[in-house]
Amino acid sequence: MNFKYSKKDKLKSKKLIEQLFTEGKVVTAYPLRLVYFKTEFEDGSQLKTGVSVSKRLHKTAVSRNRIKRLLREAYRLNKPQYFNNSSSSFAFMILYLSKDGTTFDKLDTSMKLLFRKFIDKTAD
């Protein structure tokens, strides 16, 4: 199992992010929303993921950065469990929707539920 979240797994392309929000599909498991788009990557990676926390809901950079760190960690730990056998490649953006702060345990359970919903929706 590969628990890494390396540089090639991070969603950086502005063009791809724009395409993700215009053409992508959505799965929600409150307080998380997953916007995904099926695509092919030149570097051969299967998943590229970005995380985002609204500046409107979390005014201080400290709280936004903490939530983003927790989101990336929950993603990193759950990715191998859900996507090791995946043959198609996706671009993901994980958004945090709640006004309240959070703990890692809550985010971890929400991330698992979000991934299950995503797999159910894409299996059709």
N, C-alpha and C. Protein backbone atom coordinates (compact mmCIF):
# COMPACT_ATOMS: atom_id res chain seq x y z
N MET A 1 0.83 -1.19 0.00
CA MET A 1 0.00 0.00 0.00
C MET A 1 0.88 1.25 0.00
N ASN A 2 0.50 2.20 -0.84
CA ASN A 2 1.26 3.43 -0.95
C ASN A 2 0.53 4.56 -0.22
N PHE A 3 1.05 4.96 0.94
CA PHE A 3 0.41 6.00 1.75
C PHE A 3 0.98 7.38 1.46
N LYS A 4 1.69 7.54 0.35
CA LYS A 4 2.33 8.82 0.07
C LYS A 4 1.35 9.81 -0.55
N TYR A 5 1.64 11.07 -0.35
CA TYR A 5 0.94 12.16 -1.01
C TYR A 5 2.02 13.05 -1.61
N SER A 6 2.61 12.57 -2.69
CA SER A 6 3.78 13.22 -3.26
C SER A 6 3.40 14.40 -4.15
N LYS A 7 4.40 15.07 -4.68
CA LYS A 7 4.19 16.25 -5.49
C LYS A 7 3.39 15.94 -6.75
N LYS A 8 3.62 14.77 -7.34
CA LYS A 8 2.90 14.44 -8.58
C LYS A 8 1.43 14.09 -8.32
N ASP A 9 1.06 13.87 -7.06
CA ASP A 9 -0.32 13.59 -6.70
C ASP A 9 -1.13 14.84 -6.38
N LYS A 10 -0.47 16.00 -6.37
CA LYS A 10 -1.15 17.25 -6.02
C LYS A 10 -1.69 17.94 -7.27
N LEU A 11 -2.86 18.47 -7.15
CA LEU A 11 -3.53 19.16 -8.26
C LEU A 11 -3.02 20.60 -8.29
N LYS A 12 -2.24 20.95 -9.31
CA LYS A 12 -1.64 22.27 -9.39
C LYS A 12 -2.06 23.06 -10.63
N SER A 13 -2.45 22.38 -11.68
CA SER A 13 -2.74 23.03 -12.96
C SER A 13 -4.00 23.90 -12.89
N LYS A 14 -3.85 25.20 -13.14
CA LYS A 14 -5.00 26.11 -13.10
C LYS A 14 -6.01 25.75 -14.17
N LYS A 15 -5.52 25.32 -15.32
CA LYS A 15 -6.38 24.92 -16.42
C LYS A 15 -7.25 23.72 -16.01
N LEU A 16 -6.62 22.73 -15.38
CA LEU A 16 -7.33 21.54 -14.94
C LEU A 16 -8.31 21.86 -13.81
N ILE A 17 -7.94 22.75 -12.90
CA ILE A 17 -8.83 23.14 -11.80
C ILE A 17 -10.06 23.86 -12.36
N GLU A 18 -9.84 24.73 -13.34
CA GLU A 18 -10.96 25.43 -13.98
C GLU A 18 -11.89 24.44 -14.68
N GLN A 19 -11.31 23.48 -15.37
CA GLN A 19 -12.08 22.45 -16.06
C GLN A 19 -12.83 21.59 -15.06
N LEU A 20 -12.20 21.32 -13.93
CA LEU A 20 -12.80 20.51 -12.87
C LEU A 20 -14.09 21.16 -12.36
N PHE A 21 -14.06 22.48 -12.13
CA PHE A 21 -15.23 23.16 -11.59
C PHE A 21 -16.30 23.43 -12.65
N THR A 22 -15.94 23.47 -13.93
CA THR A 22 -16.95 23.70 -14.95
C THR A 22 -17.61 22.39 -15.41
N GLU A 23 -16.81 21.32 -15.56
CA GLU A 23 -17.34 20.08 -16.11
C GLU A 23 -17.44 18.95 -15.10
N GLY A 24 -16.92 19.15 -13.88
CA GLY A 24 -16.86 18.08 -12.90
C GLY A 24 -18.19 17.74 -12.27
N LYS A 25 -18.24 16.58 -11.64
CA LYS A 25 -19.41 16.11 -10.92
C LYS A 25 -19.13 16.22 -9.42
N VAL A 26 -20.19 16.16 -8.62
CA VAL A 26 -20.06 16.43 -7.19
C VAL A 26 -20.63 15.29 -6.36
N VAL A 27 -19.93 14.97 -5.27
CA VAL A 27 -20.43 14.06 -4.24
C VAL A 27 -20.25 14.79 -2.91
N THR A 28 -21.26 14.73 -2.04
CA THR A 28 -21.19 15.44 -0.77
C THR A 28 -21.44 14.50 0.39
N ALA A 29 -20.60 14.61 1.40
CA ALA A 29 -20.81 13.94 2.69
C ALA A 29 -20.43 15.01 3.72
N TYR A 30 -21.44 15.73 4.21
CA TYR A 30 -21.19 16.89 5.06
C TYR A 30 -20.22 16.55 6.18
N PRO A 31 -19.22 17.36 6.42
CA PRO A 31 -18.89 18.70 5.94
C PRO A 31 -17.95 18.72 4.73
N LEU A 32 -17.88 17.64 3.97
CA LEU A 32 -16.97 17.59 2.83
C LEU A 32 -17.73 17.50 1.51
N ARG A 33 -17.15 18.09 0.48
CA ARG A 33 -17.68 17.97 -0.88
C ARG A 33 -16.52 17.59 -1.80
N LEU A 34 -16.76 16.60 -2.63
CA LEU A 34 -15.75 16.13 -3.58
C LEU A 34 -16.21 16.49 -4.98
N VAL A 35 -15.41 17.31 -5.65
CA VAL A 35 -15.65 17.62 -7.06
C VAL A 35 -14.65 16.78 -7.83
N TYR A 36 -15.14 15.97 -8.77
CA TYR A 36 -14.24 15.08 -9.49
C TYR A 36 -14.47 15.16 -10.99
N PHE A 37 -13.43 14.82 -11.72
CA PHE A 37 -13.45 14.89 -13.17
C PHE A 37 -12.56 13.79 -13.71
N LYS A 38 -13.10 12.97 -14.59
CA LYS A 38 -12.32 11.87 -15.16
C LYS A 38 -11.42 12.41 -16.27
N THR A 39 -10.13 12.14 -16.18
CA THR A 39 -9.16 12.67 -17.14
C THR A 39 -7.94 11.78 -17.20
N GLU A 40 -7.05 12.08 -18.10
CA GLU A 40 -5.77 11.37 -18.21
C GLU A 40 -4.65 12.36 -17.90
N PHE A 41 -3.61 11.88 -17.22
CA PHE A 41 -2.48 12.73 -16.87
C PHE A 41 -1.24 12.34 -17.66
N GLU A 42 -0.45 13.33 -18.02
CA GLU A 42 0.76 13.07 -18.80
C GLU A 42 1.83 12.35 -17.99
N ASP A 43 1.87 12.59 -16.68
CA ASP A 43 2.90 11.97 -15.84
C ASP A 43 2.55 10.55 -15.39
N GLY A 44 1.38 10.06 -15.78
CA GLY A 44 1.00 8.68 -15.49
C GLY A 44 0.38 8.46 -14.13
N SER A 45 0.14 9.52 -13.36
CA SER A 45 -0.47 9.31 -12.05
C SER A 45 -1.97 9.06 -12.21
N GLN A 46 -2.55 8.37 -11.22
CA GLN A 46 -3.97 8.02 -11.31
C GLN A 46 -4.86 9.08 -10.68
N LEU A 47 -4.42 9.69 -9.59
CA LEU A 47 -5.22 10.68 -8.89
C LEU A 47 -4.39 11.95 -8.66
N LYS A 48 -5.01 13.08 -8.90
CA LYS A 48 -4.45 14.36 -8.50
C LYS A 48 -5.50 15.04 -7.65
N THR A 49 -5.09 15.49 -6.48
CA THR A 49 -6.04 15.99 -5.51
C THR A 49 -5.62 17.34 -4.96
N GLY A 50 -6.61 18.21 -4.78
CA GLY A 50 -6.41 19.48 -4.11
C GLY A 50 -7.41 19.60 -2.98
N VAL A 51 -7.09 20.43 -2.00
CA VAL A 51 -8.02 20.68 -0.89
C VAL A 51 -8.26 22.18 -0.79
N SER A 52 -9.45 22.55 -0.32
CA SER A 52 -9.78 23.96 -0.23
C SER A 52 -10.69 24.21 0.97
N VAL A 53 -10.44 25.34 1.64
CA VAL A 53 -11.27 25.78 2.76
C VAL A 53 -11.64 27.23 2.48
N SER A 54 -12.91 27.56 2.60
CA SER A 54 -13.41 28.88 2.26
C SER A 54 -12.88 29.96 3.20
N LYS A 55 -12.41 31.04 2.60
CA LYS A 55 -11.93 32.18 3.38
C LYS A 55 -13.11 32.91 4.02
N ARG A 56 -14.27 32.81 3.40
CA ARG A 56 -15.46 33.47 3.94
C ARG A 56 -15.91 32.81 5.24
N LEU A 57 -15.77 31.49 5.32
CA LEU A 57 -16.23 30.77 6.51
C LEU A 57 -15.17 30.72 7.61
N HIS A 58 -13.89 30.70 7.23
CA HIS A 58 -12.79 30.63 8.20
C HIS A 58 -11.88 31.82 7.96
N LYS A 59 -12.05 32.84 8.77
CA LYS A 59 -11.39 34.13 8.54
C LYS A 59 -9.88 34.07 8.70
N THR A 60 -9.41 33.31 9.68
CA THR A 60 -7.96 33.34 9.96
C THR A 60 -7.24 32.26 9.17
N ALA A 61 -6.06 32.60 8.69
CA ALA A 61 -5.25 31.65 7.93
C ALA A 61 -4.87 30.45 8.78
N VAL A 62 -4.71 30.66 10.08
CA VAL A 62 -4.34 29.57 10.98
C VAL A 62 -5.39 28.47 10.95
N SER A 63 -6.67 28.85 11.05
CA SER A 63 -7.73 27.83 11.06
C SER A 63 -7.87 27.17 9.69
N ARG A 64 -7.74 27.95 8.60
CA ARG A 64 -7.81 27.37 7.26
C ARG A 64 -6.69 26.37 7.02
N ASN A 65 -5.48 26.74 7.39
CA ASN A 65 -4.33 25.86 7.18
C ASN A 65 -4.42 24.60 8.01
N ARG A 66 -4.94 24.70 9.22
CA ARG A 66 -5.08 23.52 10.08
C ARG A 66 -6.07 22.53 9.46
N ILE A 67 -7.20 23.05 8.99
CA ILE A 67 -8.21 22.18 8.38
C ILE A 67 -7.65 21.56 7.11
N LYS A 68 -6.90 22.32 6.32
CA LYS A 68 -6.30 21.76 5.09
C LYS A 68 -5.29 20.67 5.41
N ARG A 69 -4.50 20.85 6.45
CA ARG A 69 -3.56 19.80 6.86
C ARG A 69 -4.29 18.53 7.26
N LEU A 70 -5.38 18.69 8.03
CA LEU A 70 -6.16 17.53 8.45
C LEU A 70 -6.82 16.84 7.25
N LEU A 71 -7.31 17.63 6.29
CA LEU A 71 -7.93 17.06 5.08
C LEU A 71 -6.91 16.25 4.29
N ARG A 72 -5.72 16.81 4.10
CA ARG A 72 -4.69 16.10 3.34
C ARG A 72 -4.27 14.82 4.04
N GLU A 73 -4.19 14.85 5.35
CA GLU A 73 -3.80 13.65 6.10
C GLU A 73 -4.89 12.58 6.03
N ALA A 74 -6.15 12.98 6.17
CA ALA A 74 -7.25 12.01 6.06
C ALA A 74 -7.29 11.41 4.65
N TYR A 75 -7.05 12.23 3.64
CA TYR A 75 -7.00 11.73 2.26
C TYR A 75 -5.84 10.75 2.09
N ARG A 76 -4.68 11.13 2.57
CA ARG A 76 -3.47 10.30 2.42
C ARG A 76 -3.66 8.93 3.06
N LEU A 77 -4.27 8.88 4.22
CA LEU A 77 -4.43 7.61 4.92
C LEU A 77 -5.52 6.72 4.32
N ASN A 78 -6.54 7.32 3.70
CA ASN A 78 -7.65 6.55 3.14
C ASN A 78 -7.51 6.24 1.66
N LYS A 79 -6.63 6.94 0.97
CA LYS A 79 -6.47 6.75 -0.48
C LYS A 79 -6.15 5.31 -0.87
N PRO A 80 -5.18 4.63 -0.24
CA PRO A 80 -4.85 3.27 -0.67
C PRO A 80 -6.01 2.29 -0.49
N GLN A 81 -6.80 2.50 0.54
CA GLN A 81 -7.90 1.60 0.86
C GLN A 81 -8.98 1.64 -0.23
N TYR A 82 -9.19 2.80 -0.85
CA TYR A 82 -10.28 2.96 -1.80
C TYR A 82 -9.84 3.01 -3.25
N PHE A 83 -8.60 3.38 -3.53
CA PHE A 83 -8.21 3.63 -4.92
C PHE A 83 -7.04 2.80 -5.43
N ASN A 84 -6.56 1.81 -4.69
CA ASN A 84 -5.45 0.99 -5.17
C ASN A 84 -5.82 0.16 -6.39
N ASN A 85 -7.05 -0.29 -6.48
CA ASN A 85 -7.46 -1.15 -7.59
C ASN A 85 -8.13 -0.37 -8.72
N SER A 86 -8.08 0.94 -8.66
CA SER A 86 -8.73 1.78 -9.67
C SER A 86 -7.92 1.79 -10.96
N SER A 87 -8.62 1.65 -12.08
CA SER A 87 -7.93 1.65 -13.37
C SER A 87 -8.04 3.00 -14.06
N SER A 88 -9.06 3.79 -13.72
CA SER A 88 -9.22 5.09 -14.37
C SER A 88 -8.59 6.19 -13.51
N SER A 89 -8.28 7.33 -14.13
CA SER A 89 -7.64 8.41 -13.41
C SER A 89 -8.60 9.59 -13.27
N PHE A 90 -8.53 10.25 -12.12
CA PHE A 90 -9.43 11.34 -11.77
C PHE A 90 -8.66 12.52 -11.22
N ALA A 91 -9.26 13.70 -11.38
CA ALA A 91 -8.81 14.90 -10.70
C ALA A 91 -9.84 15.18 -9.61
N PHE A 92 -9.37 15.41 -8.39
CA PHE A 92 -10.25 15.64 -7.24
C PHE A 92 -10.00 17.02 -6.66
N MET A 93 -11.07 17.64 -6.14
CA MET A 93 -10.93 18.80 -5.28
C MET A 93 -11.84 18.54 -4.09
N ILE A 94 -11.26 18.54 -2.91
CA ILE A 94 -12.02 18.29 -1.69
C ILE A 94 -12.24 19.62 -1.00
N LEU A 95 -13.50 19.98 -0.79
CA LEU A 95 -13.87 21.26 -0.18
C LEU A 95 -14.43 21.02 1.21
N TYR A 96 -14.06 21.89 2.14
CA TYR A 96 -14.59 21.82 3.50
C TYR A 96 -15.71 22.85 3.61
N LEU A 97 -16.93 22.44 3.98
CA LEU A 97 -18.11 23.29 3.90
C LEU A 97 -18.57 23.90 5.22
N SER A 98 -18.16 23.36 6.34
CA SER A 98 -18.69 23.78 7.63
C SER A 98 -18.04 25.06 8.14
N LYS A 99 -18.81 25.82 8.93
CA LYS A 99 -18.26 27.02 9.58
C LYS A 99 -17.45 26.66 10.82
N ASP A 100 -17.76 25.51 11.41
CA ASP A 100 -17.13 25.11 12.66
C ASP A 100 -15.77 24.48 12.39
N GLY A 101 -14.95 24.49 13.42
CA GLY A 101 -13.67 23.78 13.35
C GLY A 101 -13.95 22.29 13.40
N THR A 102 -12.90 21.49 13.36
CA THR A 102 -13.11 20.05 13.32
C THR A 102 -11.95 19.33 13.99
N THR A 103 -12.14 18.02 14.16
CA THR A 103 -11.07 17.17 14.66
C THR A 103 -10.71 16.17 13.57
N PHE A 104 -9.59 15.53 13.72
CA PHE A 104 -9.16 14.57 12.71
C PHE A 104 -10.12 13.39 12.62
N ASP A 105 -10.62 12.92 13.76
CA ASP A 105 -11.53 11.76 13.76
C ASP A 105 -12.80 12.04 12.96
N LYS A 106 -13.38 13.23 13.13
CA LYS A 106 -14.58 13.57 12.38
C LYS A 106 -14.29 13.64 10.88
N LEU A 107 -13.16 14.26 10.54
CA LEU A 107 -12.78 14.37 9.13
C LEU A 107 -12.50 13.00 8.52
N ASP A 108 -11.87 12.13 9.28
CA ASP A 108 -11.54 10.81 8.79
C ASP A 108 -12.80 10.00 8.46
N THR A 109 -13.77 10.03 9.35
CA THR A 109 -15.02 9.30 9.09
C THR A 109 -15.78 9.93 7.92
N SER A 110 -15.77 11.25 7.83
CA SER A 110 -16.43 11.92 6.70
C SER A 110 -15.73 11.59 5.39
N MET A 111 -14.41 11.50 5.41
CA MET A 111 -13.65 11.18 4.20
C MET A 111 -13.97 9.76 3.73
N LYS A 112 -14.07 8.82 4.67
CA LYS A 112 -14.42 7.44 4.31
C LYS A 112 -15.80 7.37 3.68
N LEU A 113 -16.76 8.10 4.28
CA LEU A 113 -18.12 8.13 3.74
C LEU A 113 -18.13 8.78 2.36
N LEU A 114 -17.36 9.83 2.18
CA LEU A 114 -17.26 10.52 0.89
C LEU A 114 -16.70 9.60 -0.18
N PHE A 115 -15.65 8.86 0.15
CA PHE A 115 -15.06 7.94 -0.82
C PHE A 115 -16.00 6.80 -1.17
N ARG A 116 -16.76 6.30 -0.18
CA ARG A 116 -17.74 5.25 -0.46
C ARG A 116 -18.82 5.76 -1.41
N LYS A 117 -19.30 6.98 -1.18
CA LYS A 117 -20.31 7.57 -2.06
C LYS A 117 -19.74 7.76 -3.46
N PHE A 118 -18.49 8.20 -3.55
CA PHE A 118 -17.85 8.39 -4.85
C PHE A 118 -17.75 7.07 -5.62
N ILE A 119 -17.32 6.02 -4.92
CA ILE A 119 -17.18 4.71 -5.58
C ILE A 119 -18.55 4.20 -6.02
N ASP A 120 -19.58 4.37 -5.19
CA ASP A 120 -20.93 3.95 -5.57
C ASP A 120 -21.42 4.72 -6.79
N LYS A 121 -21.13 6.00 -6.84
CA LYS A 121 -21.61 6.83 -7.94
C LYS A 121 -20.88 6.54 -9.24
N THR A 122 -19.58 6.25 -9.18
CA THR A 122 -18.81 5.99 -10.39
C THR A 122 -18.91 4.54 -10.84
N ALA A 123 -19.39 3.65 -9.98
CA ALA A 123 -19.52 2.23 -10.35
C ALA A 123 -20.69 2.01 -11.31
N ASP A 124 -21.61 2.95 -11.36
CA ASP A 124 -22.81 2.81 -12.23
C ASP A 124 -22.44 2.74 -13.69
